[in-house]
């Protein structure tokens, strides 16, 4: 098999668009098409079918893509491993959801902070972008509060890192220690996660049990933004205390003493590798 042909197929399959792939590789569309046709001749099977202007993988194409992921992933892993071995400094590439608490990220990485022989490369993005970075070995670990879907074709490994209780956070003027939980939620506007969050589902159930309909000041999918809105005193925020650790220590914000019975799970996601980054051993 000519692996150049397989490589062009792999690039097009990952992009999902022949025109975009050709432009990215600085080649003509016809040149890329020729390489894919040669692969199909060698395999004896079509790997794409065209529906209008869209290319869709055939069954043979999906099988070929699985093998190509393994083949080229192993090549990238080889380079990354040898480059780390040749360098006196070790590098850890960390991805984190753009909406994830910065305080949590710092606490996770604390064992490696300040070590002169360690370089940290930190990237943020969406879950899809980060998991693709894991699969293509551009990242060593992804920090998230939403576990990736798992099936027989994925090789993600989810490592529970922390289970943080969720509290009601606000300014001292709003947190009256003598108030009942029902009064606290009924008399203050709330800063809550968006409806796709399990914390939000738990909060809605809590309000139903207490027979209250809270006033929502904001629905936010970003912990850092929830923290800032709580500081602006537009309402009470439903957050893990670690997110507002500094504000609690300085007294800028306070934590209500009521137990709302909710928690936030934080995970580190890696991918099965023959040569995992050795720096990960000090984090799990």
Protein backbone atom coordinates (compact mmCIF):
# COMPACT_ATOMS: atom_id res chain seq x y z
CA UNK A 1 0.00 0.00 0.00
CA UNK A 2 1.15 3.51 -0.81
CA UNK A 3 0.67 5.40 2.46
CA UNK A 4 0.70 8.76 0.70
CA UNK A 5 -2.64 7.80 -0.85
CA UNK A 6 -3.96 6.80 2.58
CA UNK A 7 -2.72 10.09 4.02
CA UNK A 8 -4.66 12.18 1.51
CA UNK A 9 -7.80 10.14 2.18
CA UNK A 10 -7.28 10.65 5.94
CA UNK A 11 -6.95 14.41 5.56
CA UNK A 12 -10.12 14.67 3.43
CA UNK A 13 -12.10 12.38 5.76
CA UNK A 14 -11.14 14.49 8.80
CA UNK A 15 -11.96 17.77 7.05
CA UNK A 16 -15.10 16.41 5.43
CA UNK A 17 -14.52 18.68 2.45
CA UNK A 18 -12.28 18.04 -0.56
CA UNK A 19 -11.98 21.71 -1.51
CA UNK A 20 -10.95 22.77 1.99
CA UNK A 21 -8.40 19.96 2.27
CA UNK A 22 -6.84 20.76 -1.10
CA UNK A 23 -6.52 24.45 -0.16
CA UNK A 24 -4.98 23.57 3.22
CA UNK A 25 -2.44 21.25 1.57
CA UNK A 26 -1.78 23.79 -1.22
CA UNK A 27 -2.78 21.27 -3.88
CA UNK A 28 -5.38 21.21 -6.65
CA UNK A 29 -8.62 19.35 -6.06
CA UNK A 30 -7.87 17.09 -9.02
CA UNK A 31 -4.48 16.10 -7.54
CA UNK A 32 -6.12 15.08 -4.26
CA UNK A 33 -8.90 13.24 -6.11
CA UNK A 34 -6.33 11.26 -8.09
CA UNK A 35 -4.62 10.12 -4.87
CA UNK A 36 -7.93 8.97 -3.40
CA UNK A 37 -8.86 7.10 -6.58
CA UNK A 38 -5.52 5.28 -6.44
CA UNK A 39 -6.28 4.25 -2.86
CA UNK A 40 -9.71 2.98 -3.93
CA UNK A 41 -8.10 0.99 -6.75
CA UNK A 42 -5.71 -0.61 -4.26
CA UNK A 43 -8.47 -1.40 -1.77
CA UNK A 44 -10.92 -2.52 -4.41
CA UNK A 45 -13.63 -0.49 -2.69
CA UNK A 46 -14.91 3.11 -2.91
CA UNK A 47 -14.16 5.07 0.26
CA UNK A 48 -16.43 8.04 -0.49
CA UNK A 49 -19.80 8.49 -2.11
CA UNK A 50 -20.90 11.87 -3.39
CA UNK A 51 -24.33 13.20 -2.45
CA UNK A 52 -24.77 16.50 -4.22
CA UNK A 53 -21.66 18.49 -3.29
CA UNK A 54 -21.03 16.54 -0.10
CA UNK A 55 -18.66 13.60 0.36
CA UNK A 56 -19.80 10.83 2.68
CA UNK A 57 -17.76 7.88 3.87
CA UNK A 58 -18.83 4.46 2.66
CA UNK A 59 -18.68 1.46 4.97
CA UNK A 60 -15.23 0.67 3.55
CA UNK A 61 -14.27 4.32 4.07
CA UNK A 62 -15.21 4.22 7.75
CA UNK A 63 -13.12 1.08 8.22
CA UNK A 64 -10.20 2.68 6.37
CA UNK A 65 -10.50 5.82 8.51
CA UNK A 66 -10.27 3.78 11.74
CA UNK A 67 -7.05 2.17 10.52
CA UNK A 68 -5.69 5.49 9.23
CA UNK A 69 -6.33 7.11 12.63
CA UNK A 70 -4.29 4.36 14.27
CA UNK A 71 -1.49 4.46 11.71
CA UNK A 72 -0.95 8.22 11.62
CA UNK A 73 -1.69 8.64 15.33
CA UNK A 74 1.10 6.16 16.06
CA UNK A 75 3.44 8.17 13.83
CA UNK A 76 2.67 11.39 15.67
CA UNK A 77 3.08 9.62 18.99
CA UNK A 78 6.51 8.37 17.89
CA UNK A 79 7.66 11.89 17.02
CA UNK A 80 6.27 13.37 20.23
CA UNK A 81 7.91 10.67 22.35
CA UNK A 82 11.32 10.98 20.70
CA UNK A 83 11.21 14.77 20.83
CA UNK A 84 10.49 14.64 24.56
CA UNK A 85 13.32 12.14 25.04
CA UNK A 86 15.77 14.31 23.16
CA UNK A 87 14.85 17.43 25.11
CA UNK A 88 16.14 18.16 28.64
CA UNK A 89 12.76 19.77 29.37
CA UNK A 90 9.49 17.87 29.49
CA UNK A 91 6.38 19.33 27.88
CA UNK A 92 2.77 18.70 28.88
CA UNK A 93 0.03 19.88 26.53
CA UNK A 94 -3.17 20.57 28.46
CA UNK A 95 -6.57 21.44 27.02
CA UNK A 96 -9.45 22.78 29.09
CA UNK A 97 -13.01 23.76 28.32
CA UNK A 98 -13.14 27.50 27.80
CA UNK A 99 -15.93 27.69 30.39
CA UNK A 100 -14.08 25.74 33.10
CA UNK A 101 -13.02 27.27 36.41
CA UNK A 102 -9.47 28.69 36.26
CA UNK A 103 -9.03 27.95 39.97
CA UNK A 104 -9.74 24.27 39.34
CA UNK A 105 -7.23 24.20 36.49
CA UNK A 106 -4.53 25.73 38.71
CA UNK A 107 -5.19 23.24 41.51
CA UNK A 108 -4.97 20.33 39.06
CA UNK A 109 -1.65 21.53 37.63
CA UNK A 110 -0.15 22.63 40.97
CA UNK A 111 2.24 19.62 41.28
CA UNK A 112 3.99 20.80 38.09
CA UNK A 113 3.88 24.57 38.56
CA UNK A 114 7.22 26.28 38.87
CA UNK A 115 9.32 23.24 37.99
CA UNK A 116 12.21 24.47 35.81
CA UNK A 117 12.37 21.22 33.82
CA UNK A 118 8.66 21.31 32.91
CA UNK A 119 6.95 23.41 30.24
CA UNK A 120 3.15 23.62 30.26
CA UNK A 121 1.25 24.40 27.08
CA UNK A 122 -2.32 25.40 27.95
CA UNK A 123 -5.10 25.61 25.40
CA UNK A 124 -8.83 26.24 25.77
CA UNK A 125 -11.67 25.42 23.43
CA UNK A 126 -14.89 23.53 22.91
CA UNK A 127 -15.28 19.92 23.90
CA UNK A 128 -15.20 18.81 20.25
CA UNK A 129 -12.01 20.76 19.50
CA UNK A 130 -10.22 19.46 22.58
CA UNK A 131 -11.15 15.82 22.10
CA UNK A 132 -9.98 16.03 18.49
CA UNK A 133 -6.71 17.41 19.87
CA UNK A 134 -6.42 14.33 22.08
CA UNK A 135 -7.12 11.96 19.19
CA UNK A 136 -4.51 13.60 16.98
CA UNK A 137 -2.01 13.73 19.88
CA UNK A 138 -1.79 17.53 19.90
CA UNK A 139 -2.91 17.36 23.54
CA UNK A 140 -1.91 15.04 26.37
CA UNK A 141 -4.90 15.65 28.64
CA UNK A 142 -8.22 17.52 28.57
CA UNK A 143 -9.86 19.01 31.66
CA UNK A 144 -13.64 19.08 31.64
CA UNK A 145 -16.77 18.92 33.74
CA UNK A 146 -18.62 16.99 31.03
CA UNK A 147 -17.48 13.45 30.30
CA UNK A 148 -17.20 12.56 26.60
CA UNK A 149 -19.59 10.01 25.16
CA UNK A 150 -18.05 6.55 25.14
CA UNK A 151 -18.56 3.74 22.66
CA UNK A 152 -16.66 0.81 21.19
CA UNK A 153 -14.81 3.01 18.70
CA UNK A 154 -13.48 5.60 21.17
CA UNK A 155 -10.38 5.16 23.29
CA UNK A 156 -10.97 8.01 25.75
CA UNK A 157 -10.04 7.35 29.36
CA UNK A 158 -11.90 9.44 31.95
CA UNK A 159 -10.12 10.08 35.25
CA UNK A 160 -12.27 11.53 38.06
CA UNK A 161 -10.29 14.42 39.56
CA UNK A 162 -12.61 16.19 41.95
CA UNK A 163 -16.20 16.23 43.17
CA UNK A 164 -16.93 19.77 44.35
CA UNK A 165 -20.05 20.68 46.34
CA UNK A 166 -22.17 23.41 44.82
CA UNK A 167 -23.16 26.32 47.04
CA UNK A 168 -25.15 29.52 46.89
CA UNK A 169 -22.66 32.38 46.56
CA UNK A 170 -23.29 36.10 46.86
CA UNK A 171 -22.33 39.38 48.49
CA UNK A 172 -22.62 39.80 52.26
CA UNK A 173 -25.62 42.06 51.72
CA UNK A 174 -27.51 39.19 50.08
CA UNK A 175 -26.35 36.31 52.28
CA UNK A 176 -28.36 36.65 55.48
CA UNK A 177 -27.33 33.80 57.74
CA UNK A 178 -30.73 33.78 59.44
CA UNK A 179 -32.71 33.22 56.25
CA UNK A 180 -34.19 29.87 55.37
CA UNK A 181 -33.14 28.31 52.07
CA UNK A 182 -36.61 28.91 50.67
CA UNK A 183 -36.54 32.61 51.55
CA UNK A 184 -33.01 33.01 50.20
CA UNK A 185 -33.96 31.58 46.80
CA UNK A 186 -37.34 33.29 46.63
CA UNK A 187 -36.16 36.79 47.54
CA UNK A 188 -33.01 37.04 45.41
CA UNK A 189 -32.48 36.85 41.65
CA UNK A 190 -30.34 33.83 40.70
CA UNK A 191 -27.33 33.35 38.44
CA UNK A 192 -27.58 29.74 37.26
CA UNK A 193 -26.02 27.39 34.68
CA UNK A 194 -27.79 26.85 31.37
CA UNK A 195 -30.39 24.11 30.97
CA UNK A 196 -27.95 21.55 29.54
CA UNK A 197 -26.08 21.43 32.86
CA UNK A 198 -26.86 18.67 35.39
CA UNK A 199 -26.48 21.30 38.14
CA UNK A 200 -29.29 23.30 36.58
CA UNK A 201 -31.51 20.23 36.47
CA UNK A 202 -30.82 19.64 40.18
CA UNK A 203 -31.54 23.28 41.00
CA UNK A 204 -34.87 23.18 39.14
CA UNK A 205 -35.87 20.06 41.10
CA UNK A 206 -34.89 21.78 44.36
CA UNK A 207 -37.11 24.76 43.55
CA UNK A 208 -39.98 22.43 42.73
CA UNK A 209 -39.62 20.70 46.11
CA UNK A 210 -39.55 24.06 47.88
CA UNK A 211 -42.56 25.24 45.86
CA UNK A 212 -40.89 28.41 44.62
CA UNK A 213 -40.41 29.99 41.21
CA UNK A 214 -37.05 31.79 41.30
CA UNK A 215 -36.31 34.95 39.38
CA UNK A 216 -33.37 34.31 37.06
CA UNK A 217 -30.91 37.17 36.71
CA UNK A 218 -28.75 35.24 34.23
CA UNK A 219 -28.32 31.79 32.68
CA UNK A 220 -24.61 31.26 31.98
CA UNK A 221 -22.48 28.39 30.65
CA UNK A 222 -19.19 29.95 31.78
CA UNK A 223 -18.05 29.60 35.41
CA UNK A 224 -15.74 32.60 35.13
CA UNK A 225 -18.65 34.77 33.95
CA UNK A 226 -20.88 33.50 36.79
CA UNK A 227 -18.14 34.54 39.22
CA UNK A 228 -17.95 38.05 37.74
CA UNK A 229 -21.73 38.46 37.78
CA UNK A 230 -21.84 37.45 41.45
CA UNK A 231 -19.18 40.08 42.16
CA UNK A 232 -21.33 42.65 40.35
CA UNK A 233 -24.09 41.74 42.82
CA UNK A 234 -26.80 41.14 40.24
CA UNK A 235 -27.93 38.11 42.21
CA UNK A 236 -26.89 34.90 43.98
CA UNK A 237 -24.80 32.41 42.00
CA UNK A 238 -25.03 28.62 42.06
CA UNK A 239 -21.33 27.67 42.01
CA UNK A 240 -18.69 25.36 43.49
CA UNK A 241 -16.80 27.46 46.08
CA UNK A 242 -13.46 26.67 44.35
CA UNK A 243 -14.56 28.94 41.48
CA UNK A 244 -14.68 31.95 43.82
CA UNK A 245 -11.93 30.84 46.20
CA UNK A 246 -10.14 34.20 46.22
CA UNK A 247 -13.33 36.21 46.69
CA UNK A 248 -14.38 34.04 49.64
CA UNK A 249 -10.96 34.40 51.28
CA UNK A 250 -11.05 38.21 50.98
CA UNK A 251 -14.69 38.52 52.03
CA UNK A 252 -15.80 40.02 48.73
CA UNK A 253 -18.30 37.15 48.44
CA UNK A 254 -19.88 34.85 50.99
CA UNK A 255 -21.13 31.27 50.90
CA UNK A 256 -24.59 30.51 52.25
CA UNK A 257 -24.56 27.82 54.91
CA UNK A 258 -27.43 25.90 53.36
CA UNK A 259 -26.67 22.51 51.79
CA UNK A 260 -28.39 22.43 48.41
CA UNK A 261 -27.42 18.80 47.80
CA UNK A 262 -25.71 19.41 44.45
CA UNK A 263 -22.16 18.81 43.26
CA UNK A 264 -19.96 19.45 40.23
CA UNK A 265 -17.74 16.68 38.86
CA UNK A 266 -14.40 17.52 37.27
CA UNK A 267 -12.58 15.01 35.07
CA UNK A 268 -9.31 14.68 33.23
CA UNK A 269 -9.64 12.90 29.89
CA UNK A 270 -6.75 11.11 28.20
CA UNK A 271 -6.52 8.70 25.30
CA UNK A 272 -5.04 5.21 25.27
CA UNK A 273 -1.43 5.55 24.19
CA UNK A 274 1.45 3.14 24.09
CA UNK A 275 3.72 5.89 25.37
CA UNK A 276 1.71 8.21 27.65
CA UNK A 277 3.28 11.45 28.74
CA UNK A 278 5.19 10.60 31.97
CA UNK A 279 4.24 13.95 33.54
CA UNK A 280 0.64 12.75 33.85
CA UNK A 281 1.67 10.29 36.56
CA UNK A 282 2.18 13.17 39.02
CA UNK A 283 -1.32 14.58 38.36
CA UNK A 284 -3.59 11.54 38.80
